[in-house]
Amino acid sequence: MSSPIVVSDMDGTLATAETWRGVLAWVNANHPSAAARRFVTIRLPLVVLAKGGVYDKESFRSRWVRDQATLLRGLGEEQLAAMGEWVVDHYLWPARRLVAIDAVTVAARVARETDPGSRLILATGTYQQIGDAFARRLGADAALGTPLELRDGIATGALAIPTQAGEQKAAAVRAHAAGGEVVAAFGDTAADVPLLALARRAVAVAPDAALRKEAVARGWEILEG
């Protein structure tokens, strides 16, 4: 039988910074281009529609991750790994949500006391390299992120698979668990409902309005802060 897991979302759950801003800052400093300089400006109409609820927020985020991958075209694996470390060091870890970090690490410790083979997994829609870097800082066993498409070790500017979000993220966790119990899951938005629904213990962290309503209806824990 596979070992149990504790799983957590990253963006908004374990860190309050916006990962895309870190990626864009790194690109502008290390791999500048005209496309990078105008990346946000030409997408402002979509930003307005998403904030106004006209454009689905999850679809918006998935499209943003896909589009931003084009700015990484031509980079090698070492450069991509360096990008992941930089984004975590300069954007995400300084903005970590301490109450959530503590709750996740305690849940992982309790699970390991019950079953030494228990694992802590980070599930995120952002690029795999960023997920890997954050997982190392967190002390997680693995990260399930969105892999960039590589050809001969060079980024093509596309994603290898659709963005790991919503149902896709939950499916990736189920596959990784390989039949092991998800003893606890943490998330912050309605997009994390499929992930939280996998767990014996579901925790909504500083949830958005839709997740808060769902958490109350299902009797899930709500962690403020």
C-alpha atoms as a PDB file:
ATOM      1  CA  MET A   1       0.000   0.000   0.000  1.00  0.00           C
ATOM      2  CA  SER A   2       1.277   3.480  -0.873  1.00  0.00           C
ATOM      3  CA  SER A   3       2.164   5.891   1.910  1.00  0.00           C
ATOM      4  CA  PRO A   4      -0.194   8.749   2.879  1.00  0.00           C
ATOM      5  CA  ILE A   5       0.481  12.313   1.790  1.00  0.00           C
ATOM      6  CA  VAL A   6      -0.098  15.847   2.973  1.00  0.00           C
ATOM      7  CA  VAL A   7      -0.512  18.246   0.049  1.00  0.00           C
ATOM      8  CA  SER A   8      -0.646  22.016  -0.279  1.00  0.00           C
ATOM      9  CA  ASP A   9      -1.205  24.560  -2.986  1.00  0.00           C
ATOM     10  CA  MET A  10       1.481  27.267  -3.181  1.00  0.00           C
ATOM     11  CA  ASP A  11       0.348  30.606  -4.684  1.00  0.00           C
ATOM     12  CA  GLY A  12      -1.937  32.418  -2.254  1.00  0.00           C
ATOM     13  CA  THR A  13      -1.815  29.516   0.192  1.00  0.00           C
ATOM     14  CA  LEU A  14       1.815  29.375   1.289  1.00  0.00           C
ATOM     15  CA  ALA A  15       2.915  32.712  -0.185  1.00  0.00           C
ATOM     16  CA  THR A  16       1.051  35.945  -0.795  1.00  0.00           C
ATOM     17  CA  ALA A  17       3.277  37.279  -3.592  1.00  0.00           C
ATOM     18  CA  GLU A  18       2.232  36.851  -7.219  1.00  0.00           C
ATOM     19  CA  THR A  19       4.614  34.391  -8.832  1.00  0.00           C
ATOM     20  CA  TRP A  20       4.206  35.837 -12.313  1.00  0.00           C
ATOM     21  CA  ARG A  21       5.657  39.139 -11.127  1.00  0.00           C
ATOM     22  CA  GLY A  22       8.782  37.344  -9.964  1.00  0.00           C
ATOM     23  CA  VAL A  23       9.115  35.506 -13.271  1.00  0.00           C
ATOM     24  CA  LEU A  24       8.720  38.744 -15.215  1.00  0.00           C
ATOM     25  CA  ALA A  25      11.278  40.548 -13.036  1.00  0.00           C
ATOM     26  CA  TRP A  26      13.787  37.736 -13.561  1.00  0.00           C
ATOM     27  CA  VAL A  27      13.196  37.715 -17.325  1.00  0.00           C
ATOM     28  CA  ASN A  28      13.600  41.489 -17.593  1.00  0.00           C
ATOM     29  CA  ALA A  29      16.863  41.317 -15.652  1.00  0.00           C
ATOM     30  CA  ASN A  30      18.337  38.222 -17.287  1.00  0.00           C
ATOM     31  CA  HIS A  31      16.610  37.578 -20.619  1.00  0.00           C
ATOM     32  CA  PRO A  32      15.119  40.948 -21.676  1.00  0.00           C
ATOM     33  CA  SER A  33      13.028  41.338 -24.807  1.00  0.00           C
ATOM     34  CA  ALA A  34      10.447  43.643 -26.318  1.00  0.00           C
ATOM     35  CA  ALA A  35       7.818  40.969 -25.641  1.00  0.00           C
ATOM     36  CA  ALA A  36       8.731  40.934 -21.945  1.00  0.00           C
ATOM     37  CA  ARG A  37       8.557  44.733 -21.699  1.00  0.00           C
ATOM     38  CA  ARG A  38       5.039  44.862 -23.116  1.00  0.00           C
ATOM     39  CA  PHE A  39       3.792  41.583 -21.603  1.00  0.00           C
ATOM     40  CA  VAL A  40       1.518  43.135 -18.984  1.00  0.00           C
ATOM     41  CA  THR A  41       0.410  46.165 -21.004  1.00  0.00           C
ATOM     42  CA  ILE A  42      -1.138  44.187 -23.852  1.00  0.00           C
ATOM     43  CA  ARG A  43      -2.980  41.973 -21.360  1.00  0.00           C
ATOM     44  CA  LEU A  44      -4.530  44.730 -19.266  1.00  0.00           C
ATOM     45  CA  PRO A  45      -7.995  44.271 -20.839  1.00  0.00           C
ATOM     46  CA  LEU A  46      -7.980  40.631 -19.688  1.00  0.00           C
ATOM     47  CA  VAL A  47      -6.870  41.703 -16.222  1.00  0.00           C
ATOM     48  CA  VAL A  48      -9.826  44.077 -15.992  1.00  0.00           C
ATOM     49  CA  LEU A  49     -12.266  41.417 -17.221  1.00  0.00           C
ATOM     50  CA  ALA A  50     -10.926  38.848 -14.744  1.00  0.00           C
ATOM     51  CA  LYS A  51     -11.156  41.261 -11.816  1.00  0.00           C
ATOM     52  CA  GLY A  52     -14.680  42.178 -12.840  1.00  0.00           C
ATOM     53  CA  GLY A  53     -15.757  38.548 -12.978  1.00  0.00           C
ATOM     54  CA  VAL A  54     -16.458  38.653 -16.709  1.00  0.00           C
ATOM     55  CA  TYR A  55     -13.508  36.364 -17.483  1.00  0.00           C
ATOM     56  CA  ASP A  56     -13.138  33.207 -15.385  1.00  0.00           C
ATOM     57  CA  LYS A  57     -10.229  33.712 -12.984  1.00  0.00           C
ATOM     58  CA  GLU A  58      -8.941  30.161 -13.280  1.00  0.00           C
ATOM     59  CA  SER A  59      -8.961  30.344 -17.076  1.00  0.00           C
ATOM     60  CA  PHE A  60      -7.221  33.699 -16.827  1.00  0.00           C
ATOM     61  CA  ARG A  61      -4.456  32.308 -14.594  1.00  0.00           C
ATOM     62  CA  SER A  62      -3.950  29.280 -16.811  1.00  0.00           C
ATOM     63  CA  ARG A  63      -3.684  31.474 -19.882  1.00  0.00           C
ATOM     64  CA  TRP A  64      -1.227  33.768 -18.082  1.00  0.00           C
ATOM     65  CA  VAL A  65       1.055  30.828 -17.209  1.00  0.00           C
ATOM     66  CA  ARG A  66       0.888  29.585 -20.792  1.00  0.00           C
ATOM     67  CA  ASP A  67       1.575  33.004 -22.319  1.00  0.00           C
ATOM     68  CA  GLN A  68       4.417  33.832 -19.940  1.00  0.00           C
ATOM     69  CA  ALA A  69       6.166  30.607 -20.947  1.00  0.00           C
ATOM     70  CA  THR A  70       6.881  32.232 -24.311  1.00  0.00           C
ATOM     71  CA  LEU A  71       9.241  34.630 -22.533  1.00  0.00           C
ATOM     72  CA  LEU A  72      11.361  31.651 -21.430  1.00  0.00           C
ATOM     73  CA  ARG A  73      11.917  30.358 -24.956  1.00  0.00           C
ATOM     74  CA  GLY A  74      15.535  29.490 -25.665  1.00  0.00           C
ATOM     75  CA  LEU A  75      16.591  29.037 -22.046  1.00  0.00           C
ATOM     76  CA  GLY A  76      18.447  25.913 -20.951  1.00  0.00           C
ATOM     77  CA  GLU A  77      17.713  23.741 -17.964  1.00  0.00           C
ATOM     78  CA  GLU A  78      20.334  25.406 -15.756  1.00  0.00           C
ATOM     79  CA  GLN A  79      18.929  28.854 -16.535  1.00  0.00           C
ATOM     80  CA  LEU A  80      15.392  27.683 -15.795  1.00  0.00           C
ATOM     81  CA  ALA A  81      16.508  26.175 -12.493  1.00  0.00           C
ATOM     82  CA  ALA A  82      18.238  29.466 -11.628  1.00  0.00           C
ATOM     83  CA  MET A  83      15.024  31.315 -12.475  1.00  0.00           C
ATOM     84  CA  GLY A  84      13.070  29.083 -10.102  1.00  0.00           C
ATOM     85  CA  GLU A  85      15.501  29.634  -7.238  1.00  0.00           C
ATOM     86  CA  TRP A  86      15.557  33.397  -7.822  1.00  0.00           C
ATOM     87  CA  VAL A  87      11.774  33.760  -7.875  1.00  0.00           C
ATOM     88  CA  VAL A  88      11.447  31.828  -4.622  1.00  0.00           C
ATOM     89  CA  ASP A  89      14.338  33.639  -2.900  1.00  0.00           C
ATOM     90  CA  HIS A  90      13.314  37.153  -3.967  1.00  0.00           C
ATOM     91  CA  TYR A  91       9.512  36.971  -4.235  1.00  0.00           C
ATOM     92  CA  LEU A  92       7.840  33.962  -2.680  1.00  0.00           C
ATOM     93  CA  TRP A  93       9.776  33.010   0.434  1.00  0.00           C
ATOM     94  CA  PRO A  94       9.945  36.609   1.756  1.00  0.00           C
ATOM     95  CA  ALA A  95       6.145  36.736   1.292  1.00  0.00           C
ATOM     96  CA  ARG A  96       5.466  33.323   2.817  1.00  0.00           C
ATOM     97  CA  ARG A  97       2.256  32.999   4.808  1.00  0.00           C
ATOM     98  CA  LEU A  98       3.709  31.922   8.159  1.00  0.00           C
ATOM     99  CA  VAL A  99       0.464  30.627   9.650  1.00  0.00           C
ATOM    100  CA  ALA A 100      -0.022  28.349   6.643  1.00  0.00           C
ATOM    101  CA  ILE A 101       3.620  27.231   6.525  1.00  0.00           C
ATOM    102  CA  ASP A 102       3.358  26.275  10.200  1.00  0.00           C
ATOM    103  CA  ALA A 103       0.054  24.442   9.717  1.00  0.00           C
ATOM    104  CA  VAL A 104       1.351  22.467   6.742  1.00  0.00           C
ATOM    105  CA  THR A 105       4.618  21.481   8.402  1.00  0.00           C
ATOM    106  CA  VAL A 106       2.793  20.428  11.597  1.00  0.00           C
ATOM    107  CA  ALA A 107       0.356  18.334   9.533  1.00  0.00           C
ATOM    108  CA  ALA A 108       3.286  16.676   7.784  1.00  0.00           C
ATOM    109  CA  ARG A 109       5.055  15.986  11.081  1.00  0.00           C
ATOM    110  CA  VAL A 110       1.943  14.445  12.636  1.00  0.00           C
ATOM    111  CA  ALA A 111       1.433  12.274   9.550  1.00  0.00           C
ATOM    112  CA  ARG A 112       5.043  11.048   9.751  1.00  0.00           C
ATOM    113  CA  GLU A 113       4.628  10.215  13.429  1.00  0.00           C
ATOM    114  CA  THR A 114       1.746   7.944  12.445  1.00  0.00           C
ATOM    115  CA  ASP A 115       3.442   6.597   9.309  1.00  0.00           C
ATOM    116  CA  PRO A 116       7.173   7.325   8.793  1.00  0.00           C
ATOM    117  CA  GLY A 117       6.663   6.911   5.051  1.00  0.00           C
ATOM    118  CA  SER A 118       4.234   9.826   4.829  1.00  0.00           C
ATOM    119  CA  ARG A 119       5.185  12.517   2.335  1.00  0.00           C
ATOM    120  CA  LEU A 120       4.637  16.269   2.019  1.00  0.00           C
ATOM    121  CA  ILE A 121       3.746  17.296  -1.536  1.00  0.00           C
ATOM    122  CA  LEU A 122       3.507  20.767  -3.053  1.00  0.00           C
ATOM    123  CA  ALA A 123       0.912  21.094  -5.834  1.00  0.00           C
ATOM    124  CA  THR A 124       1.062  24.267  -7.890  1.00  0.00           C
ATOM    125  CA  GLY A 125       0.021  25.655 -11.228  1.00  0.00           C
ATOM    126  CA  THR A 126       3.274  27.534 -11.663  1.00  0.00           C
ATOM    127  CA  TYR A 127       6.335  26.232 -13.488  1.00  0.00           C
ATOM    128  CA  GLN A 128       7.961  23.062 -12.185  1.00  0.00           C
ATOM    129  CA  GLN A 129      11.279  24.800 -11.506  1.00  0.00           C
ATOM    130  CA  ILE A 130       9.610  27.279  -9.155  1.00  0.00           C
ATOM    131  CA  GLY A 131       7.657  24.535  -7.446  1.00  0.00           C
ATOM    132  CA  ASP A 132      10.850  22.526  -6.968  1.00  0.00           C
ATOM    133  CA  ALA A 133      12.677  25.497  -5.436  1.00  0.00           C
ATOM    134  CA  PHE A 134       9.814  26.288  -3.043  1.00  0.00           C
ATOM    135  CA  ALA A 135       9.509  22.609  -2.081  1.00  0.00           C
ATOM    136  CA  ARG A 136      13.173  22.578  -1.086  1.00  0.00           C
ATOM    137  CA  ARG A 137      12.687  25.639   1.125  1.00  0.00           C
ATOM    138  CA  LEU A 138       9.570  24.098   2.656  1.00  0.00           C
ATOM    139  CA  GLY A 139      11.196  20.717   3.218  1.00  0.00           C
ATOM    140  CA  ALA A 140       8.610  19.006   1.013  1.00  0.00           C
ATOM    141  CA  ASP A 141       9.317  15.664  -0.603  1.00  0.00           C
ATOM    142  CA  ALA A 142       8.211  16.653  -4.092  1.00  0.00           C
ATOM    143  CA  ALA A 143       6.493  19.345  -6.144  1.00  0.00           C
ATOM    144  CA  LEU A 144       3.832  18.802  -8.782  1.00  0.00           C
ATOM    145  CA  GLY A 145       4.034  21.861 -11.019  1.00  0.00           C
ATOM    146  CA  THR A 146       3.499  22.746 -14.665  1.00  0.00           C
ATOM    147  CA  PRO A 147       6.473  21.512 -16.718  1.00  0.00           C
ATOM    148  CA  LEU A 148       7.825  23.627 -19.536  1.00  0.00           C
ATOM    149  CA  GLU A 149       8.271  21.899 -22.888  1.00  0.00           C
ATOM    150  CA  LEU A 150      11.950  21.188 -23.573  1.00  0.00           C
ATOM    151  CA  ARG A 151      13.647  20.046 -26.765  1.00  0.00           C
ATOM    152  CA  ASP A 152      17.230  18.920 -26.361  1.00  0.00           C
ATOM    153  CA  GLY A 153      17.197  20.629 -22.962  1.00  0.00           C
ATOM    154  CA  ILE A 154      16.022  23.993 -24.329  1.00  0.00           C
ATOM    155  CA  ALA A 155      12.651  25.617 -23.546  1.00  0.00           C
ATOM    156  CA  THR A 156      10.420  25.915 -26.596  1.00  0.00           C
ATOM    157  CA  GLY A 157       8.221  28.625 -25.093  1.00  0.00           C
ATOM    158  CA  ALA A 158       5.311  26.226 -24.624  1.00  0.00           C
ATOM    159  CA  LEU A 159       4.021  24.082 -21.767  1.00  0.00           C
ATOM    160  CA  ALA A 160       4.587  20.328 -21.812  1.00  0.00           C
ATOM    161  CA  ILE A 161       1.063  19.774 -20.415  1.00  0.00           C
ATOM    162  CA  PRO A 162      -1.901  22.042 -19.597  1.00  0.00           C
ATOM    163  CA  THR A 163      -1.498  24.209 -16.508  1.00  0.00           C
ATOM    164  CA  GLN A 164      -1.730  22.152 -13.312  1.00  0.00           C
ATOM    165  CA  ALA A 165      -4.832  23.786 -11.868  1.00  0.00           C
ATOM    166  CA  GLY A 166      -8.296  22.790 -10.698  1.00  0.00           C
ATOM    167  CA  GLU A 167      -9.221  19.265 -11.754  1.00  0.00           C
ATOM    168  CA  GLN A 168      -5.833  18.775 -13.452  1.00  0.00           C
ATOM    169  CA  LYS A 169      -4.029  19.499 -10.193  1.00  0.00           C
ATOM    170  CA  ALA A 170      -6.252  17.094  -8.273  1.00  0.00           C
ATOM    171  CA  ALA A 171      -5.679  14.407 -10.906  1.00  0.00           C
ATOM    172  CA  ALA A 172      -1.907  14.870 -10.641  1.00  0.00           C
ATOM    173  CA  VAL A 173      -2.108  14.485  -6.863  1.00  0.00           C
ATOM    174  CA  ARG A 174      -4.230  11.340  -7.157  1.00  0.00           C
ATOM    175  CA  ALA A 175      -1.733   9.849  -9.596  1.00  0.00           C
ATOM    176  CA  HIS A 176       1.199  10.746  -7.342  1.00  0.00           C
ATOM    177  CA  ALA A 177      -0.544   9.350  -4.272  1.00  0.00           C
ATOM    178  CA  ALA A 178      -0.939   6.045  -6.134  1.00  0.00           C
ATOM    179  CA  GLY A 179      -3.664   4.883  -3.783  1.00  0.00           C
ATOM    180  CA  GLY A 180      -2.171   6.383  -0.636  1.00  0.00           C
ATOM    181  CA  GLU A 181      -4.498   8.423   1.541  1.00  0.00           C
ATOM    182  CA  VAL A 182      -4.462  12.203   1.279  1.00  0.00           C
ATOM    183  CA  VAL A 183      -4.585  12.931   4.987  1.00  0.00           C
ATOM    184  CA  ALA A 184      -4.611  16.724   4.691  1.00  0.00           C
ATOM    185  CA  ALA A 185      -4.852  19.308   1.902  1.00  0.00           C
ATOM    186  CA  PHE A 186      -4.499  23.085   1.924  1.00  0.00           C
ATOM    187  CA  GLY A 187      -5.736  25.621  -0.641  1.00  0.00           C
ATOM    188  CA  ASP A 188      -6.925  29.215  -0.919  1.00  0.00           C
ATOM    189  CA  THR A 189      -9.349  29.572  -3.842  1.00  0.00           C
ATOM    190  CA  ALA A 190     -12.381  27.858  -5.327  1.00  0.00           C
ATOM    191  CA  ALA A 191     -10.042  26.349  -7.919  1.00  0.00           C
ATOM    192  CA  ASP A 192      -8.601  24.251  -5.086  1.00  0.00           C
ATOM    193  CA  VAL A 193     -11.929  22.573  -4.249  1.00  0.00           C
ATOM    194  CA  PRO A 194     -11.079  19.415  -6.265  1.00  0.00           C
ATOM    195  CA  LEU A 195      -7.755  19.197  -4.407  1.00  0.00           C
ATOM    196  CA  LEU A 196      -9.297  19.753  -0.980  1.00  0.00           C
ATOM    197  CA  ALA A 197     -12.039  17.230  -1.709  1.00  0.00           C
ATOM    198  CA  LEU A 198      -9.397  14.502  -1.937  1.00  0.00           C
ATOM    199  CA  ALA A 199      -8.385  14.865   1.699  1.00  0.00           C
ATOM    200  CA  ARG A 200      -9.597  13.484   4.986  1.00  0.00           C
ATOM    201  CA  ARG A 201      -8.801  16.907   6.446  1.00  0.00           C
ATOM    202  CA  ALA A 202      -9.387  19.904   4.148  1.00  0.00           C
ATOM    203  CA  VAL A 203      -8.109  23.353   5.133  1.00  0.00           C
ATOM    204  CA  ALA A 204      -9.130  26.553   3.345  1.00  0.00           C
ATOM    205  CA  VAL A 205      -6.367  29.116   3.895  1.00  0.00           C
ATOM    206  CA  ALA A 206      -7.427  32.792   3.832  1.00  0.00           C
ATOM    207  CA  PRO A 207     -10.051  31.620   1.332  1.00  0.00           C
ATOM    208  CA  ASP A 208     -11.670  33.673  -1.385  1.00  0.00           C
ATOM    209  CA  ALA A 209     -15.437  34.171  -1.113  1.00  0.00           C
ATOM    210  CA  ALA A 210     -16.326  31.145  -3.225  1.00  0.00           C
ATOM    211  CA  LEU A 211     -14.036  28.774  -1.327  1.00  0.00           C
ATOM    212  CA  ARG A 212     -15.183  30.160   2.017  1.00  0.00           C
ATOM    213  CA  LYS A 213     -18.791  29.408   1.096  1.00  0.00           C
ATOM    214  CA  GLU A 214     -17.822  25.892  -0.021  1.00  0.00           C
ATOM    215  CA  ALA A 215     -15.764  25.293   3.121  1.00  0.00           C
ATOM    216  CA  VAL A 216     -18.636  26.301   5.375  1.00  0.00           C
ATOM    217  CA  ALA A 217     -21.060  24.085   3.450  1.00  0.00           C
ATOM    218  CA  ARG A 218     -18.738  21.074   3.642  1.00  0.00           C
ATOM    219  CA  GLY A 219     -17.555  21.629   7.188  1.00  0.00           C
ATOM    220  CA  TRP A 220     -13.935  22.172   6.157  1.00  0.00           C
ATOM    221  CA  GLU A 221     -11.474  24.011   8.362  1.00  0.00           C
ATOM    222  CA  ILE A 222     -10.840  27.676   7.643  1.00  0.00           C
ATOM    223  CA  LEU A 223      -7.430  29.103   8.508  1.00  0.00           C
ATOM    224  CA  GLU A 224      -7.310  32.892   8.578  1.00  0.00           C
ATOM    225  CA  GLY A 225      -4.234  35.055   8.232  1.00  0.00           C
END
